[in-house]
Protein backbone atom coordinates (compact mmCIF):
# COMPACT_ATOMS: atom_id res chain seq x y z
CA MET A 1 -40.56 -214.33 146.66
CA PRO A 2 -37.78 -213.08 144.64
CA ASN A 3 -37.36 -209.37 144.21
CA PRO A 4 -38.32 -208.30 140.69
CA SER A 5 -35.50 -205.84 140.60
CA ASN A 6 -33.12 -208.56 141.67
CA GLY A 7 -34.43 -210.79 138.96
CA LEU A 8 -34.03 -208.04 136.42
CA ASN A 9 -30.55 -207.40 137.62
CA THR A 10 -29.89 -211.10 137.52
CA HIS A 11 -31.28 -211.26 134.02
CA ASN A 12 -29.18 -208.32 132.89
CA ARG A 13 -26.16 -209.79 134.51
CA TYR A 14 -26.67 -213.06 132.75
CA PHE A 15 -27.29 -211.48 129.37
CA SER A 16 -24.78 -208.65 129.61
CA GLN A 17 -21.86 -210.97 130.09
CA PRO A 18 -22.52 -212.91 126.88
CA VAL A 19 -22.89 -209.62 125.06
CA MET A 20 -19.58 -208.40 126.40
CA HIS A 21 -18.07 -211.79 125.58
CA ASN A 22 -19.41 -211.68 122.01
CA HIS A 23 -17.88 -208.21 121.57
CA LEU A 24 -14.52 -209.42 122.73
CA VAL A 25 -14.68 -212.44 120.43
CA HIS A 26 -15.63 -210.21 117.47
CA SER A 27 -12.77 -207.85 118.19
CA HIS A 28 -10.32 -210.72 118.49
CA VAL A 29 -11.52 -212.25 115.18
CA SER A 30 -11.26 -208.85 113.45
CA VAL A 31 -7.70 -208.38 114.64
CA ASN A 32 -6.77 -211.86 113.40
CA MET A 33 -8.42 -211.26 109.99
CA GLU A 34 -6.75 -207.88 109.56
CA GLY A 35 -3.45 -209.49 110.42
CA ARG A 36 -4.06 -211.97 107.63
CA PHE A 37 -5.26 -209.30 105.13
CA TYR A 38 -2.26 -206.93 105.43
CA PRO A 39 0.32 -209.39 104.02
CA ASP A 40 -2.07 -210.25 101.19
CA ASP A 41 -2.41 -206.57 100.28
CA ARG A 42 1.34 -206.12 100.29
CA ALA A 43 1.81 -209.18 98.07
CA GLU A 44 -0.80 -207.93 95.62
CA PHE A 45 0.86 -204.50 95.46
CA ALA A 46 4.28 -206.08 94.92
CA LEU A 47 2.89 -208.29 92.13
CA SER A 48 1.27 -205.30 90.43
CA SER A 49 4.53 -203.34 90.66
CA MET A 50 6.48 -206.24 89.18
CA VAL A 51 4.04 -206.59 86.27
CA THR A 52 4.21 -202.84 85.64
CA MET A 53 8.01 -202.95 85.67
CA ILE A 54 8.06 -205.86 83.22
CA MET A 55 5.73 -203.98 80.87
CA ILE A 56 7.94 -200.88 81.09
CA LEU A 57 11.04 -202.96 80.33
CA LEU A 58 9.35 -204.64 77.37
CA PHE A 59 8.15 -201.30 76.01
CA SER A 60 11.62 -199.80 76.48
CA SER A 61 13.17 -202.75 74.63
CA ILE A 62 10.74 -202.33 71.72
CA VAL A 63 11.40 -198.59 71.52
CA ALA A 64 15.16 -199.16 71.70
CA GLY A 65 14.97 -201.78 68.94
CA MET A 66 12.94 -199.50 66.69
CA SER A 67 15.34 -196.62 67.35
CA LEU A 68 18.33 -198.78 66.43
CA MET A 69 16.57 -199.91 63.25
CA ILE A 70 15.80 -196.31 62.24
CA ILE A 71 19.37 -195.23 62.97
CA GLU A 72 20.76 -198.17 60.99
CA GLN A 73 18.55 -197.40 57.99
CA ALA A 74 19.49 -193.72 58.14
CA PHE A 75 23.17 -194.64 58.38
CA MET A 76 22.94 -197.04 55.44
CA GLY A 77 21.12 -194.40 53.38
CA SER A 78 23.71 -191.81 54.31
CA LYS A 79 26.52 -194.22 53.49
CA SER A 80 25.01 -195.04 50.08
CA GLN A 81 24.47 -191.36 49.34
CA SER A 82 27.99 -190.53 50.45
CA PHE A 83 29.37 -193.26 48.20
CA GLU A 84 27.41 -191.93 45.23
CA GLN A 85 28.49 -188.36 45.96
CA SER A 86 32.08 -189.53 46.34
CA GLU A 87 31.95 -191.24 42.95
CA THR A 88 30.49 -188.08 41.43
CA LEU A 89 33.03 -185.76 43.03
CA ASN A 90 35.95 -187.98 42.07
CA SER A 91 35.01 -188.10 38.38
CA ILE A 92 36.62 -184.81 37.50
CA PRO A 93 39.14 -184.40 34.66
CA VAL A 94 42.37 -182.55 35.30
CA VAL A 95 43.52 -180.70 32.17
CA LEU A 96 47.31 -180.46 31.95
CA VAL A 97 47.73 -179.02 28.46
CA PHE A 98 45.24 -176.91 26.49
CA GLU A 99 46.44 -175.33 23.26
CA ILE A 100 45.59 -174.66 19.62
CA GLU A 101 46.31 -177.61 17.37
CA GLU A 102 45.29 -175.83 14.17
CA PHE A 103 44.16 -172.26 13.55
CA ASP A 104 42.33 -171.73 10.27
CA THR A 105 42.31 -168.12 9.11
CA THR A 106 40.05 -168.68 6.09
CA GLY A 107 36.87 -168.23 8.11
CA ASN A 108 35.61 -171.83 8.13
CA THR A 109 35.35 -174.28 11.01
CA ASN A 110 38.46 -176.39 10.45
CA ASP A 111 39.95 -175.21 13.74
CA ARG A 112 41.23 -177.83 16.18
CA LEU A 113 42.18 -177.81 19.86
CA TYR A 114 44.60 -180.09 21.72
CA ILE A 115 44.02 -181.29 25.31
CA MET A 116 46.13 -183.54 27.53
CA PHE A 117 44.23 -184.74 30.59
CA LYS A 118 43.91 -187.28 33.35
CA PHE A 119 41.32 -188.56 35.87
CA PRO A 120 43.55 -188.89 38.97
CA TYR A 121 40.70 -188.98 41.50
CA ALA A 122 38.38 -191.45 39.78
CA SER A 123 37.61 -194.61 41.75
CA ASN A 124 36.81 -196.67 38.67
CA ALA A 125 37.40 -196.58 34.95
CA ILE A 126 35.25 -194.09 32.99
CA PRO A 127 33.89 -194.97 29.51
CA ASP A 128 35.33 -192.57 26.93
CA THR A 129 31.90 -191.84 25.47
CA ASN A 130 30.71 -190.70 28.92
CA VAL A 131 33.01 -187.69 28.71
CA LYS A 132 31.51 -184.87 26.61
CA TRP A 133 32.72 -181.49 25.47
CA ALA A 134 30.86 -178.42 24.24
CA MET A 135 31.97 -174.98 23.14
CA MET A 136 29.87 -171.85 22.75
CA CYS A 137 31.19 -169.19 20.38
CA ASP A 138 30.30 -165.72 19.24
CA ILE A 139 31.25 -165.71 15.57
CA ASN A 140 31.76 -161.93 15.87
CA ASP A 141 30.96 -161.16 12.24
CA THR A 142 32.83 -157.89 11.59
CA ALA A 143 32.51 -157.92 7.82
CA ASP A 144 30.94 -154.88 6.21
CA PRO A 145 28.29 -155.69 5.29
CA PRO A 146 27.98 -158.63 7.76
CA GLU A 147 28.14 -162.08 6.26
CA THR A 148 25.32 -163.07 8.62
CA THR A 149 22.23 -161.24 9.81
CA SER A 150 24.03 -160.00 12.95
CA HIS A 151 27.47 -158.87 14.02
CA HIS A 152 27.21 -161.21 17.04
CA THR A 153 25.73 -164.68 16.69
CA LEU A 154 26.03 -167.41 19.34
CA VAL A 155 26.86 -170.81 17.87
CA TYR A 156 28.27 -174.02 19.29
CA SER A 157 30.21 -177.19 18.60
CA SER A 158 30.12 -180.39 20.65
CA GLY A 159 31.28 -183.98 20.82
CA ASP A 160 32.68 -186.67 23.11
CA PHE A 161 36.10 -188.04 24.01
CA ASN A 162 35.78 -191.23 21.98
CA SER A 163 38.78 -190.32 19.83
CA ALA A 164 41.10 -189.78 22.82
CA THR A 165 44.16 -192.02 23.10
CA GLU A 166 47.10 -192.61 25.37
CA LEU A 167 50.11 -190.37 24.87
CA THR A 168 51.83 -193.01 22.76
CA SER A 169 49.12 -192.73 20.09
CA ASN A 170 47.91 -189.90 17.81
CA ALA A 171 45.09 -188.41 19.99
CA ALA A 172 42.54 -188.98 17.23
CA ASP A 173 41.56 -192.65 17.09
CA ASP A 174 38.03 -193.76 17.96
CA ALA A 175 39.10 -197.39 18.29
CA ALA A 176 42.18 -196.78 20.45
CA LEU A 177 40.44 -197.35 23.81
CA ASP A 178 37.05 -197.66 25.46
CA GLU A 179 37.63 -196.21 28.92
CA PHE A 180 39.86 -193.94 30.97
CA ASN A 181 41.84 -195.32 33.91
CA PRO A 182 42.85 -193.12 36.87
CA SER A 183 46.58 -193.83 36.54
CA THR A 184 47.00 -193.01 32.83
CA PHE A 185 47.60 -189.79 30.88
CA TYR A 186 45.53 -189.20 27.74
CA HIS A 187 45.24 -186.63 24.99
CA ILE A 188 42.69 -185.69 22.35
CA ILE A 189 42.39 -183.42 19.34
CA ILE A 190 39.01 -181.69 19.39
CA GLU A 191 37.53 -180.97 15.98
CA LEU A 192 35.37 -177.85 16.17
CA SER A 193 33.49 -179.11 13.11
CA GLU A 194 31.82 -181.66 15.38
CA PRO A 195 29.22 -183.01 15.69
CA ASN A 196 29.42 -184.71 12.31
CA GLY A 197 30.54 -181.60 10.47
CA ALA A 198 27.69 -179.49 11.88
CA GLY A 199 29.78 -177.62 14.44
CA GLN A 200 29.81 -173.87 13.85
CA CYS A 201 32.45 -172.56 16.26
CA ASP A 202 35.13 -170.67 14.38
CA LEU A 203 38.27 -169.49 16.13
CA VAL A 204 39.16 -165.91 15.32
CA GLU A 205 41.56 -163.36 16.69
CA ASP A 206 40.57 -161.32 19.74
CA MET A 207 37.99 -163.92 20.75
CA THR A 208 36.96 -165.07 24.23
CA SER A 209 35.19 -168.39 24.75
CA THR A 210 34.69 -171.33 27.08
CA LEU A 211 35.20 -175.03 26.54
CA VAL A 212 33.09 -177.20 28.85
CA ILE A 213 34.06 -180.80 29.67
CA ALA A 214 31.36 -182.84 31.38
CA VAL A 215 31.47 -186.38 32.78
CA GLU A 216 28.16 -188.23 32.75
CA ASN A 217 26.95 -188.51 36.36
CA GLY A 218 30.08 -186.65 37.35
CA ARG A 219 31.65 -183.23 37.46
CA THR A 220 31.93 -180.44 34.91
CA THR A 221 35.10 -178.51 34.08
CA GLU A 222 35.08 -175.13 32.35
CA LEU A 223 38.12 -173.86 30.46
CA ASP A 224 37.92 -170.15 29.76
CA PHE A 225 40.34 -168.83 27.15
CA HIS A 226 41.11 -165.79 25.01
CA LEU A 227 42.64 -165.67 21.53
CA PRO A 228 44.78 -162.57 21.10
CA VAL A 229 45.66 -160.90 17.85
CA GLY A 230 48.32 -162.86 16.04
CA VAL A 231 47.35 -166.18 17.61
CA GLY A 232 48.50 -169.31 15.79
CA THR A 233 49.09 -173.04 16.03
CA GLY A 234 50.60 -174.15 19.33
CA TYR A 235 49.29 -171.18 21.30
CA ASP A 236 48.89 -172.06 25.00
CA LEU A 237 45.27 -171.40 25.95
CA MET A 238 46.03 -171.85 29.67
CA SER A 239 48.44 -168.93 29.77
């Protein structure tokens, strides 16, 4: 009769070997599966990195394109503004001669001034009616009693350069020309009775005043002058 303990041992021996065998098979399968999984993980990581890099490159390209567009627009705006400022700065008259054409001592406003000028820095021709002049005067009423309500009254005369001509003409012809060219010398006789006879500036001895010449959309020139005692026709106001 078989020994029960031997049978048990036999039974354990029979069943323990399959268990140990199953464990070895499981371990072997796990090693093989892990060996297959590791390359897959690396490939997935590499693919994710490549996608991320492509997205970064695309985003960088978009940002770079937008930056270039903004810079180009700013440059074009700056260029346009610089061109406009250049045109404005260049439209400045250079006065070469400034003197009294006629000095009326009777106390009315038949005084006249003579100006020779040029626009040497202008880029384009300037319409003659775009050049204006204005003169502010203190009539300095010293009569006793005063002819006006005050000894000092500020008045003005004004007009444009429509009557200017080239030096070969008489400096007082509205139809002589329509515009000023940079390479040409011009002159004009300014009637202080302007505009249309309503001008009130009256030149008198011992008087200080300013003649302002303004170019539309351009620069302004101020000519300060003083009339001494004994002033007369031909007096140089730039001296």
